[in-house]
Amino acid sequence: MGVDEFGTPWLSFGSFWDGIQVFELNQDGSRAGNDLTRLAWATQIEAPVLFRRCDFYYLFVTWGLCCPGEGRSVDDLTYRVAVGRSDDILGPYVDKDGTPLVDGGGTLLVQGDGVEWAAAGHSDVLVDGDEIYHLYHAYRQSNGAAQLRIAELEFDDEGWPVPHAP
């Protein structure tokens, strides 16, 4: 869920096959109206996070395959987090190169390193005072075990989140 500059809550959600969408909520948490807006699309996408900082809304999404098991080995995992931003909560969200997220764009933020971590994804953003943190889970390369990871989320001079190690 994200909140716009007027305090209006919005619920973002997405499926692996149909992309990321959002709709407005009433203050009591019920759905406001029937409008539905697509924010991002990719062949394997889920876990949206809407986050407002300064004059931008950021949309964090997770691409790829997660979860070893059910015929998937740790070497098959491609889970990774990408981000886009917009000056409006309804988008359009674009990556650092200007590619719209509805067209498969996204600036990579974190992924597995193939050494210690096989994949990383399904994130959230936490603000604690002046500090901003990126929370996500990553799978160990050695055995596929999932582990909560927390990284300080830094932003560059242009206001983009800085990619970080898993």
N, C-alpha and C. Protein backbone atom coordinates (compact mmCIF):
# COMPACT_ATOMS: atom_id res chain seq x y z
N MET A 1 0.84 -1.18 0.00
CA MET A 1 0.00 0.00 0.00
C MET A 1 0.88 1.23 0.00
N GLY A 2 0.49 2.24 -0.71
CA GLY A 2 1.17 3.52 -0.73
C GLY A 2 0.19 4.62 -0.38
N VAL A 3 0.73 5.76 -0.02
CA VAL A 3 -0.09 6.92 0.34
C VAL A 3 0.40 8.09 -0.51
N ASP A 4 -0.55 8.81 -1.13
CA ASP A 4 -0.14 9.95 -1.96
C ASP A 4 0.06 11.20 -1.10
N GLU A 5 0.40 12.30 -1.75
CA GLU A 5 0.72 13.54 -1.03
C GLU A 5 -0.48 14.13 -0.30
N PHE A 6 -1.68 13.65 -0.62
CA PHE A 6 -2.90 14.14 0.03
C PHE A 6 -3.35 13.22 1.17
N GLY A 7 -2.60 12.15 1.41
CA GLY A 7 -2.95 11.20 2.45
C GLY A 7 -3.89 10.10 1.99
N THR A 8 -4.16 10.04 0.69
CA THR A 8 -5.04 9.01 0.14
C THR A 8 -4.28 7.70 0.03
N PRO A 9 -4.83 6.61 0.58
CA PRO A 9 -4.16 5.31 0.45
C PRO A 9 -4.47 4.64 -0.89
N TRP A 10 -3.50 3.90 -1.41
CA TRP A 10 -3.61 3.17 -2.67
C TRP A 10 -3.09 1.76 -2.45
N LEU A 11 -3.78 0.77 -2.99
CA LEU A 11 -3.35 -0.61 -2.88
C LEU A 11 -2.75 -1.06 -4.21
N SER A 12 -1.48 -1.41 -4.16
CA SER A 12 -0.83 -1.96 -5.36
C SER A 12 -0.74 -3.47 -5.18
N PHE A 13 -0.91 -4.18 -6.26
CA PHE A 13 -0.85 -5.63 -6.22
C PHE A 13 -0.43 -6.12 -7.59
N GLY A 14 -0.06 -7.35 -7.65
CA GLY A 14 0.33 -7.86 -8.94
C GLY A 14 0.47 -9.34 -8.96
N SER A 15 0.25 -9.86 -10.13
CA SER A 15 0.41 -11.28 -10.29
C SER A 15 1.61 -11.54 -11.19
N PHE A 16 2.05 -12.72 -11.10
CA PHE A 16 3.20 -13.17 -11.87
C PHE A 16 2.95 -13.03 -13.37
N TRP A 17 1.67 -13.09 -13.80
CA TRP A 17 1.36 -13.12 -15.22
C TRP A 17 0.72 -11.84 -15.74
N ASP A 18 0.05 -11.08 -14.90
CA ASP A 18 -0.74 -9.95 -15.39
C ASP A 18 -0.19 -8.57 -15.06
N GLY A 19 0.95 -8.49 -14.45
CA GLY A 19 1.54 -7.19 -14.17
C GLY A 19 1.11 -6.61 -12.83
N ILE A 20 1.56 -5.39 -12.60
CA ILE A 20 1.31 -4.68 -11.34
C ILE A 20 0.22 -3.64 -11.58
N GLN A 21 -0.76 -3.63 -10.68
CA GLN A 21 -1.87 -2.69 -10.80
C GLN A 21 -2.11 -2.00 -9.46
N VAL A 22 -2.94 -0.96 -9.48
CA VAL A 22 -3.21 -0.19 -8.27
C VAL A 22 -4.65 0.32 -8.31
N PHE A 23 -5.26 0.45 -7.14
CA PHE A 23 -6.53 1.15 -7.04
C PHE A 23 -6.57 1.93 -5.74
N GLU A 24 -7.44 2.95 -5.73
CA GLU A 24 -7.58 3.84 -4.58
C GLU A 24 -8.39 3.17 -3.48
N LEU A 25 -8.02 3.49 -2.24
CA LEU A 25 -8.75 3.01 -1.07
C LEU A 25 -9.40 4.19 -0.34
N ASN A 26 -10.49 3.91 0.34
CA ASN A 26 -11.06 4.87 1.28
C ASN A 26 -10.22 4.84 2.55
N GLN A 27 -10.41 5.82 3.41
CA GLN A 27 -9.65 5.88 4.65
C GLN A 27 -9.90 4.67 5.56
N ASP A 28 -11.05 4.02 5.41
CA ASP A 28 -11.34 2.84 6.23
C ASP A 28 -10.75 1.55 5.64
N GLY A 29 -10.05 1.68 4.50
CA GLY A 29 -9.41 0.52 3.88
C GLY A 29 -10.24 -0.16 2.81
N SER A 30 -11.48 0.27 2.63
CA SER A 30 -12.31 -0.32 1.58
C SER A 30 -11.95 0.30 0.23
N ARG A 31 -12.31 -0.38 -0.83
CA ARG A 31 -12.00 0.09 -2.18
C ARG A 31 -12.85 1.30 -2.54
N ALA A 32 -12.21 2.31 -3.13
CA ALA A 32 -12.90 3.52 -3.57
C ALA A 32 -13.12 3.43 -5.08
N GLY A 33 -14.32 3.19 -5.51
CA GLY A 33 -14.62 3.14 -6.94
C GLY A 33 -14.15 1.85 -7.61
N ASN A 34 -14.19 1.89 -8.94
CA ASN A 34 -13.85 0.71 -9.72
C ASN A 34 -12.64 0.88 -10.61
N ASP A 35 -11.98 2.04 -10.54
CA ASP A 35 -10.82 2.28 -11.40
C ASP A 35 -9.66 1.37 -11.01
N LEU A 36 -8.96 0.91 -12.03
CA LEU A 36 -7.80 0.05 -11.86
C LEU A 36 -6.76 0.52 -12.87
N THR A 37 -5.54 0.79 -12.40
CA THR A 37 -4.49 1.31 -13.26
C THR A 37 -3.30 0.37 -13.26
N ARG A 38 -2.83 0.01 -14.45
CA ARG A 38 -1.64 -0.83 -14.58
C ARG A 38 -0.41 0.07 -14.42
N LEU A 39 0.49 -0.32 -13.52
CA LEU A 39 1.70 0.45 -13.25
C LEU A 39 2.95 -0.16 -13.89
N ALA A 40 2.98 -1.49 -14.02
CA ALA A 40 4.18 -2.15 -14.54
C ALA A 40 3.79 -3.50 -15.13
N TRP A 41 4.63 -3.97 -16.06
CA TRP A 41 4.42 -5.28 -16.64
C TRP A 41 5.76 -5.89 -17.01
N ALA A 42 5.88 -7.18 -16.78
CA ALA A 42 7.00 -8.00 -17.23
C ALA A 42 6.50 -9.43 -17.25
N THR A 43 7.21 -10.34 -17.89
CA THR A 43 6.73 -11.71 -17.99
C THR A 43 6.70 -12.40 -16.64
N GLN A 44 7.54 -12.00 -15.70
CA GLN A 44 7.57 -12.58 -14.35
C GLN A 44 7.74 -11.42 -13.38
N ILE A 45 6.63 -10.95 -12.80
CA ILE A 45 6.67 -9.76 -11.95
C ILE A 45 5.70 -9.93 -10.79
N GLU A 46 6.06 -9.41 -9.63
CA GLU A 46 5.19 -9.45 -8.46
C GLU A 46 5.74 -8.51 -7.39
N ALA A 47 5.08 -8.52 -6.24
CA ALA A 47 5.55 -7.87 -5.02
C ALA A 47 5.80 -6.37 -5.17
N PRO A 48 4.79 -5.59 -5.57
CA PRO A 48 5.00 -4.15 -5.70
C PRO A 48 5.07 -3.44 -4.35
N VAL A 49 5.87 -2.39 -4.31
CA VAL A 49 5.96 -1.51 -3.15
C VAL A 49 5.91 -0.08 -3.68
N LEU A 50 4.93 0.70 -3.23
CA LEU A 50 4.86 2.12 -3.55
C LEU A 50 5.44 2.90 -2.39
N PHE A 51 6.34 3.82 -2.71
CA PHE A 51 7.04 4.58 -1.67
C PHE A 51 7.21 6.01 -2.17
N ARG A 52 6.86 6.98 -1.34
CA ARG A 52 7.01 8.40 -1.70
C ARG A 52 8.19 9.00 -0.96
N ARG A 53 9.05 9.67 -1.72
CA ARG A 53 10.20 10.38 -1.15
C ARG A 53 10.41 11.66 -1.94
N CYS A 54 10.47 12.77 -1.21
CA CYS A 54 10.63 14.09 -1.83
C CYS A 54 9.53 14.29 -2.87
N ASP A 55 9.86 14.57 -4.10
CA ASP A 55 8.85 14.85 -5.12
C ASP A 55 8.51 13.64 -5.99
N PHE A 56 8.96 12.46 -5.61
CA PHE A 56 8.76 11.29 -6.46
C PHE A 56 8.06 10.16 -5.72
N TYR A 57 7.33 9.38 -6.50
CA TYR A 57 6.81 8.09 -6.06
C TYR A 57 7.72 7.04 -6.69
N TYR A 58 8.09 6.06 -5.91
CA TYR A 58 8.94 4.97 -6.38
C TYR A 58 8.11 3.70 -6.37
N LEU A 59 8.26 2.90 -7.42
CA LEU A 59 7.61 1.60 -7.50
C LEU A 59 8.71 0.55 -7.56
N PHE A 60 8.78 -0.24 -6.49
CA PHE A 60 9.72 -1.37 -6.42
C PHE A 60 8.94 -2.61 -6.84
N VAL A 61 9.51 -3.41 -7.71
CA VAL A 61 8.89 -4.65 -8.16
C VAL A 61 9.92 -5.77 -8.10
N THR A 62 9.43 -7.00 -8.06
CA THR A 62 10.33 -8.15 -8.11
C THR A 62 10.08 -8.91 -9.40
N TRP A 63 11.16 -9.19 -10.10
CA TRP A 63 11.13 -9.96 -11.35
C TRP A 63 11.68 -11.35 -11.09
N GLY A 64 11.30 -12.30 -11.91
CA GLY A 64 11.97 -13.58 -11.96
C GLY A 64 11.36 -14.67 -11.10
N LEU A 65 12.10 -15.78 -11.07
CA LEU A 65 11.67 -16.98 -10.35
C LEU A 65 12.27 -17.03 -8.96
N CYS A 66 11.44 -17.36 -8.00
CA CYS A 66 11.91 -17.53 -6.63
C CYS A 66 11.72 -18.98 -6.20
N CYS A 67 12.08 -19.23 -5.00
CA CYS A 67 11.66 -20.40 -4.26
C CYS A 67 12.16 -21.74 -4.82
N PRO A 68 13.26 -22.22 -4.31
CA PRO A 68 13.69 -23.56 -4.71
C PRO A 68 12.68 -24.60 -4.24
N GLY A 69 12.62 -25.70 -4.95
CA GLY A 69 11.63 -26.73 -4.66
C GLY A 69 10.68 -26.87 -5.82
N GLU A 70 9.81 -27.84 -5.77
CA GLU A 70 8.85 -28.09 -6.84
C GLU A 70 9.54 -28.14 -8.20
N GLY A 71 10.68 -28.84 -8.25
CA GLY A 71 11.40 -29.00 -9.51
C GLY A 71 12.36 -27.88 -9.84
N ARG A 72 12.49 -26.90 -8.95
CA ARG A 72 13.39 -25.76 -9.19
C ARG A 72 14.57 -25.86 -8.25
N SER A 73 15.77 -25.82 -8.79
CA SER A 73 16.97 -25.82 -7.95
C SER A 73 17.39 -24.38 -7.66
N VAL A 74 18.29 -24.22 -6.76
CA VAL A 74 18.79 -22.90 -6.42
C VAL A 74 19.43 -22.23 -7.64
N ASP A 75 19.96 -23.04 -8.56
CA ASP A 75 20.58 -22.47 -9.76
C ASP A 75 19.55 -21.95 -10.77
N ASP A 76 18.28 -22.30 -10.59
CA ASP A 76 17.22 -21.82 -11.48
C ASP A 76 16.65 -20.47 -11.05
N LEU A 77 16.99 -20.00 -9.86
CA LEU A 77 16.39 -18.78 -9.31
C LEU A 77 16.91 -17.55 -10.03
N THR A 78 15.98 -16.65 -10.36
CA THR A 78 16.32 -15.39 -11.03
C THR A 78 15.71 -14.18 -10.32
N TYR A 79 15.20 -14.37 -9.12
CA TYR A 79 14.54 -13.32 -8.35
C TYR A 79 15.45 -12.10 -8.20
N ARG A 80 14.90 -10.90 -8.46
CA ARG A 80 15.65 -9.66 -8.33
C ARG A 80 14.68 -8.49 -8.22
N VAL A 81 15.14 -7.39 -7.64
CA VAL A 81 14.29 -6.22 -7.41
C VAL A 81 14.70 -5.11 -8.36
N ALA A 82 13.69 -4.50 -8.97
CA ALA A 82 13.90 -3.35 -9.85
C ALA A 82 13.02 -2.21 -9.36
N VAL A 83 13.32 -1.00 -9.83
CA VAL A 83 12.60 0.19 -9.38
C VAL A 83 12.38 1.15 -10.56
N GLY A 84 11.28 1.88 -10.46
CA GLY A 84 11.00 2.98 -11.37
C GLY A 84 10.42 4.11 -10.54
N ARG A 85 10.28 5.28 -11.14
CA ARG A 85 9.71 6.39 -10.38
C ARG A 85 8.81 7.25 -11.27
N SER A 86 7.98 8.04 -10.59
CA SER A 86 7.02 8.91 -11.26
C SER A 86 6.75 10.11 -10.36
N ASP A 87 6.22 11.18 -10.95
CA ASP A 87 5.80 12.32 -10.12
C ASP A 87 4.32 12.22 -9.75
N ASP A 88 3.66 11.12 -10.17
CA ASP A 88 2.25 10.87 -9.86
C ASP A 88 2.12 9.42 -9.39
N ILE A 89 1.34 9.18 -8.36
CA ILE A 89 1.21 7.83 -7.84
C ILE A 89 0.66 6.86 -8.88
N LEU A 90 -0.10 7.37 -9.87
CA LEU A 90 -0.65 6.53 -10.93
C LEU A 90 0.28 6.40 -12.13
N GLY A 91 1.46 6.95 -12.02
CA GLY A 91 2.44 6.82 -13.10
C GLY A 91 2.28 7.88 -14.16
N PRO A 92 3.00 7.72 -15.25
CA PRO A 92 3.76 6.53 -15.61
C PRO A 92 5.08 6.44 -14.84
N TYR A 93 5.44 5.22 -14.47
CA TYR A 93 6.72 4.94 -13.81
C TYR A 93 7.74 4.61 -14.88
N VAL A 94 8.90 5.20 -14.78
CA VAL A 94 9.98 4.95 -15.73
C VAL A 94 11.24 4.58 -14.97
N ASP A 95 12.12 3.86 -15.66
CA ASP A 95 13.41 3.53 -15.05
C ASP A 95 14.39 4.67 -15.28
N LYS A 96 15.61 4.48 -14.84
CA LYS A 96 16.64 5.53 -14.92
C LYS A 96 16.94 5.92 -16.36
N ASP A 97 16.71 5.00 -17.30
CA ASP A 97 16.94 5.28 -18.72
C ASP A 97 15.71 5.85 -19.42
N GLY A 98 14.59 5.98 -18.69
CA GLY A 98 13.37 6.53 -19.26
C GLY A 98 12.41 5.50 -19.84
N THR A 99 12.70 4.21 -19.70
CA THR A 99 11.81 3.17 -20.21
C THR A 99 10.65 2.96 -19.24
N PRO A 100 9.42 3.04 -19.73
CA PRO A 100 8.26 2.84 -18.85
C PRO A 100 8.22 1.42 -18.28
N LEU A 101 7.83 1.31 -17.01
CA LEU A 101 7.70 -0.01 -16.40
C LEU A 101 6.57 -0.81 -17.02
N VAL A 102 5.57 -0.16 -17.61
CA VAL A 102 4.52 -0.91 -18.31
C VAL A 102 5.05 -1.55 -19.58
N ASP A 103 6.21 -1.13 -20.04
CA ASP A 103 6.86 -1.71 -21.21
C ASP A 103 8.04 -2.59 -20.83
N GLY A 104 8.06 -3.05 -19.57
CA GLY A 104 9.12 -3.95 -19.13
C GLY A 104 10.35 -3.26 -18.58
N GLY A 105 10.31 -1.93 -18.43
CA GLY A 105 11.46 -1.21 -17.88
C GLY A 105 11.60 -1.43 -16.39
N GLY A 106 12.73 -0.99 -15.86
CA GLY A 106 13.02 -1.09 -14.44
C GLY A 106 14.52 -1.00 -14.23
N THR A 107 14.94 -0.25 -13.25
CA THR A 107 16.35 -0.14 -12.90
C THR A 107 16.66 -1.16 -11.82
N LEU A 108 17.60 -2.04 -12.08
CA LEU A 108 17.95 -3.11 -11.15
C LEU A 108 18.47 -2.54 -9.84
N LEU A 109 17.94 -3.03 -8.72
CA LEU A 109 18.35 -2.56 -7.41
C LEU A 109 19.16 -3.61 -6.65
N VAL A 110 18.69 -4.85 -6.65
CA VAL A 110 19.41 -5.92 -5.96
C VAL A 110 19.10 -7.25 -6.65
N GLN A 111 20.10 -8.11 -6.71
CA GLN A 111 19.95 -9.45 -7.27
C GLN A 111 20.97 -10.37 -6.62
N GLY A 112 20.86 -11.65 -6.88
CA GLY A 112 21.84 -12.59 -6.36
C GLY A 112 23.21 -12.33 -6.97
N ASP A 113 24.24 -12.76 -6.25
CA ASP A 113 25.60 -12.56 -6.75
C ASP A 113 26.20 -13.86 -7.30
N GLY A 114 25.46 -14.98 -7.19
CA GLY A 114 25.93 -16.24 -7.71
C GLY A 114 27.04 -16.88 -6.89
N VAL A 115 27.42 -16.24 -5.80
CA VAL A 115 28.47 -16.78 -4.93
C VAL A 115 27.86 -17.14 -3.59
N GLU A 116 27.48 -16.14 -2.83
CA GLU A 116 26.85 -16.39 -1.54
C GLU A 116 25.32 -16.41 -1.65
N TRP A 117 24.79 -15.60 -2.57
CA TRP A 117 23.35 -15.45 -2.70
C TRP A 117 22.91 -15.81 -4.11
N ALA A 118 21.91 -16.68 -4.21
CA ALA A 118 21.41 -17.11 -5.51
C ALA A 118 20.44 -16.09 -6.11
N ALA A 119 19.63 -15.48 -5.28
CA ALA A 119 18.61 -14.56 -5.75
C ALA A 119 18.12 -13.72 -4.57
N ALA A 120 17.51 -12.58 -4.88
CA ALA A 120 17.00 -11.69 -3.84
C ALA A 120 15.74 -11.01 -4.35
N GLY A 121 14.70 -10.91 -3.50
CA GLY A 121 13.49 -10.25 -3.96
C GLY A 121 12.42 -10.13 -2.90
N HIS A 122 11.20 -9.80 -3.40
CA HIS A 122 10.00 -9.59 -2.58
C HIS A 122 10.30 -8.64 -1.42
N SER A 123 10.43 -7.37 -1.77
CA SER A 123 10.96 -6.40 -0.83
C SER A 123 9.91 -5.48 -0.21
N ASP A 124 10.39 -4.65 0.69
CA ASP A 124 9.61 -3.57 1.26
C ASP A 124 10.58 -2.45 1.62
N VAL A 125 10.03 -1.29 1.95
CA VAL A 125 10.83 -0.13 2.34
C VAL A 125 10.36 0.31 3.71
N LEU A 126 11.31 0.55 4.59
CA LEU A 126 11.03 0.95 5.96
C LEU A 126 11.75 2.26 6.25
N VAL A 127 11.03 3.21 6.83
CA VAL A 127 11.62 4.49 7.23
C VAL A 127 11.69 4.53 8.74
N ASP A 128 12.88 4.84 9.26
CA ASP A 128 13.09 4.97 10.69
C ASP A 128 13.81 6.29 10.92
N GLY A 129 13.05 7.33 11.28
CA GLY A 129 13.63 8.65 11.42
C GLY A 129 14.14 9.15 10.08
N ASP A 130 15.43 9.44 10.01
CA ASP A 130 16.04 9.92 8.76
C ASP A 130 16.62 8.78 7.92
N GLU A 131 16.53 7.57 8.42
CA GLU A 131 17.11 6.41 7.72
C GLU A 131 16.02 5.67 6.92
N ILE A 132 16.40 5.20 5.74
CA ILE A 132 15.50 4.43 4.89
C ILE A 132 16.16 3.08 4.65
N TYR A 133 15.39 2.01 4.81
CA TYR A 133 15.93 0.67 4.67
C TYR A 133 15.16 -0.12 3.62
N HIS A 134 15.89 -0.97 2.91
CA HIS A 134 15.31 -1.89 1.94
C HIS A 134 15.33 -3.28 2.58
N LEU A 135 14.17 -3.88 2.75
CA LEU A 135 14.04 -5.21 3.34
C LEU A 135 13.62 -6.17 2.24
N TYR A 136 14.20 -7.36 2.22
CA TYR A 136 13.88 -8.35 1.20
C TYR A 136 14.39 -9.70 1.69
N HIS A 137 14.05 -10.74 0.98
CA HIS A 137 14.64 -12.02 1.33
C HIS A 137 15.55 -12.46 0.20
N ALA A 138 16.59 -13.18 0.58
CA ALA A 138 17.56 -13.70 -0.39
C ALA A 138 17.76 -15.19 -0.11
N TYR A 139 18.08 -15.91 -1.16
CA TYR A 139 18.30 -17.35 -1.06
C TYR A 139 19.79 -17.64 -1.09
N ARG A 140 20.24 -18.42 -0.12
CA ARG A 140 21.65 -18.81 -0.05
C ARG A 140 22.01 -19.71 -1.23
N GLN A 141 23.13 -19.42 -1.86
CA GLN A 141 23.60 -20.21 -2.99
C GLN A 141 23.92 -21.65 -2.55
N SER A 142 24.41 -21.81 -1.34
CA SER A 142 24.86 -23.12 -0.88
C SER A 142 23.74 -24.12 -0.65
N ASN A 143 22.58 -23.64 -0.17
CA ASN A 143 21.52 -24.60 0.17
C ASN A 143 20.10 -24.12 -0.15
N GLY A 144 19.96 -22.92 -0.71
CA GLY A 144 18.65 -22.40 -1.07
C GLY A 144 17.83 -21.85 0.07
N ALA A 145 18.39 -21.81 1.28
CA ALA A 145 17.65 -21.30 2.43
C ALA A 145 17.39 -19.80 2.28
N ALA A 146 16.16 -19.40 2.57
CA ALA A 146 15.79 -17.98 2.51
C ALA A 146 16.21 -17.27 3.79
N GLN A 147 16.65 -16.03 3.65
CA GLN A 147 17.06 -15.24 4.80
C GLN A 147 16.62 -13.80 4.61
N LEU A 148 16.10 -13.20 5.66
CA LEU A 148 15.75 -11.79 5.64
C LEU A 148 17.03 -10.98 5.52
N ARG A 149 17.02 -10.00 4.62
CA ARG A 149 18.16 -9.10 4.44
C ARG A 149 17.65 -7.67 4.62
N ILE A 150 18.46 -6.83 5.23
CA ILE A 150 18.11 -5.43 5.43
C ILE A 150 19.32 -4.60 5.02
N ALA A 151 19.09 -3.68 4.10
CA ALA A 151 20.17 -2.81 3.62
C ALA A 151 19.71 -1.36 3.71
N GLU A 152 20.62 -0.48 4.09
CA GLU A 152 20.28 0.93 4.06
C GLU A 152 20.05 1.32 2.61
N LEU A 153 18.95 2.02 2.36
CA LEU A 153 18.61 2.43 1.00
C LEU A 153 19.11 3.85 0.81
N GLU A 154 20.13 3.96 -0.01
CA GLU A 154 20.71 5.27 -0.31
C GLU A 154 20.21 5.75 -1.66
N PHE A 155 20.25 7.05 -1.85
CA PHE A 155 19.80 7.67 -3.09
C PHE A 155 20.93 8.51 -3.66
N ASP A 156 21.04 8.51 -5.01
CA ASP A 156 22.09 9.30 -5.64
C ASP A 156 21.66 10.76 -5.76
N ASP A 157 22.50 11.59 -6.37
CA ASP A 157 22.23 13.02 -6.47
C ASP A 157 21.01 13.33 -7.33
N GLU A 158 20.60 12.39 -8.18
CA GLU A 158 19.42 12.58 -9.02
C GLU A 158 18.16 11.99 -8.40
N GLY A 159 18.28 11.46 -7.16
CA GLY A 159 17.13 10.93 -6.46
C GLY A 159 16.80 9.49 -6.77
N TRP A 160 17.72 8.74 -7.37
CA TRP A 160 17.49 7.33 -7.66
C TRP A 160 18.08 6.45 -6.56
N PRO A 161 17.35 5.40 -6.20
CA PRO A 161 17.93 4.44 -5.23
C PRO A 161 19.21 3.84 -5.81
N VAL A 162 20.21 3.70 -4.95
CA VAL A 162 21.51 3.17 -5.37
C VAL A 162 21.47 1.64 -5.24
N PRO A 163 21.82 0.92 -6.33
CA PRO A 163 21.86 -0.54 -6.25
C PRO A 163 22.81 -0.99 -5.13
N HIS A 164 22.47 -2.14 -4.53
CA HIS A 164 23.28 -2.64 -3.44
C HIS A 164 23.45 -4.14 -3.54
N ALA A 165 24.40 -4.66 -2.78
CA ALA A 165 24.68 -6.09 -2.77
C ALA A 165 23.58 -6.83 -2.02
N PRO A 166 23.43 -8.12 -2.35
CA PRO A 166 22.41 -8.89 -1.65
C PRO A 166 22.78 -9.08 -0.20
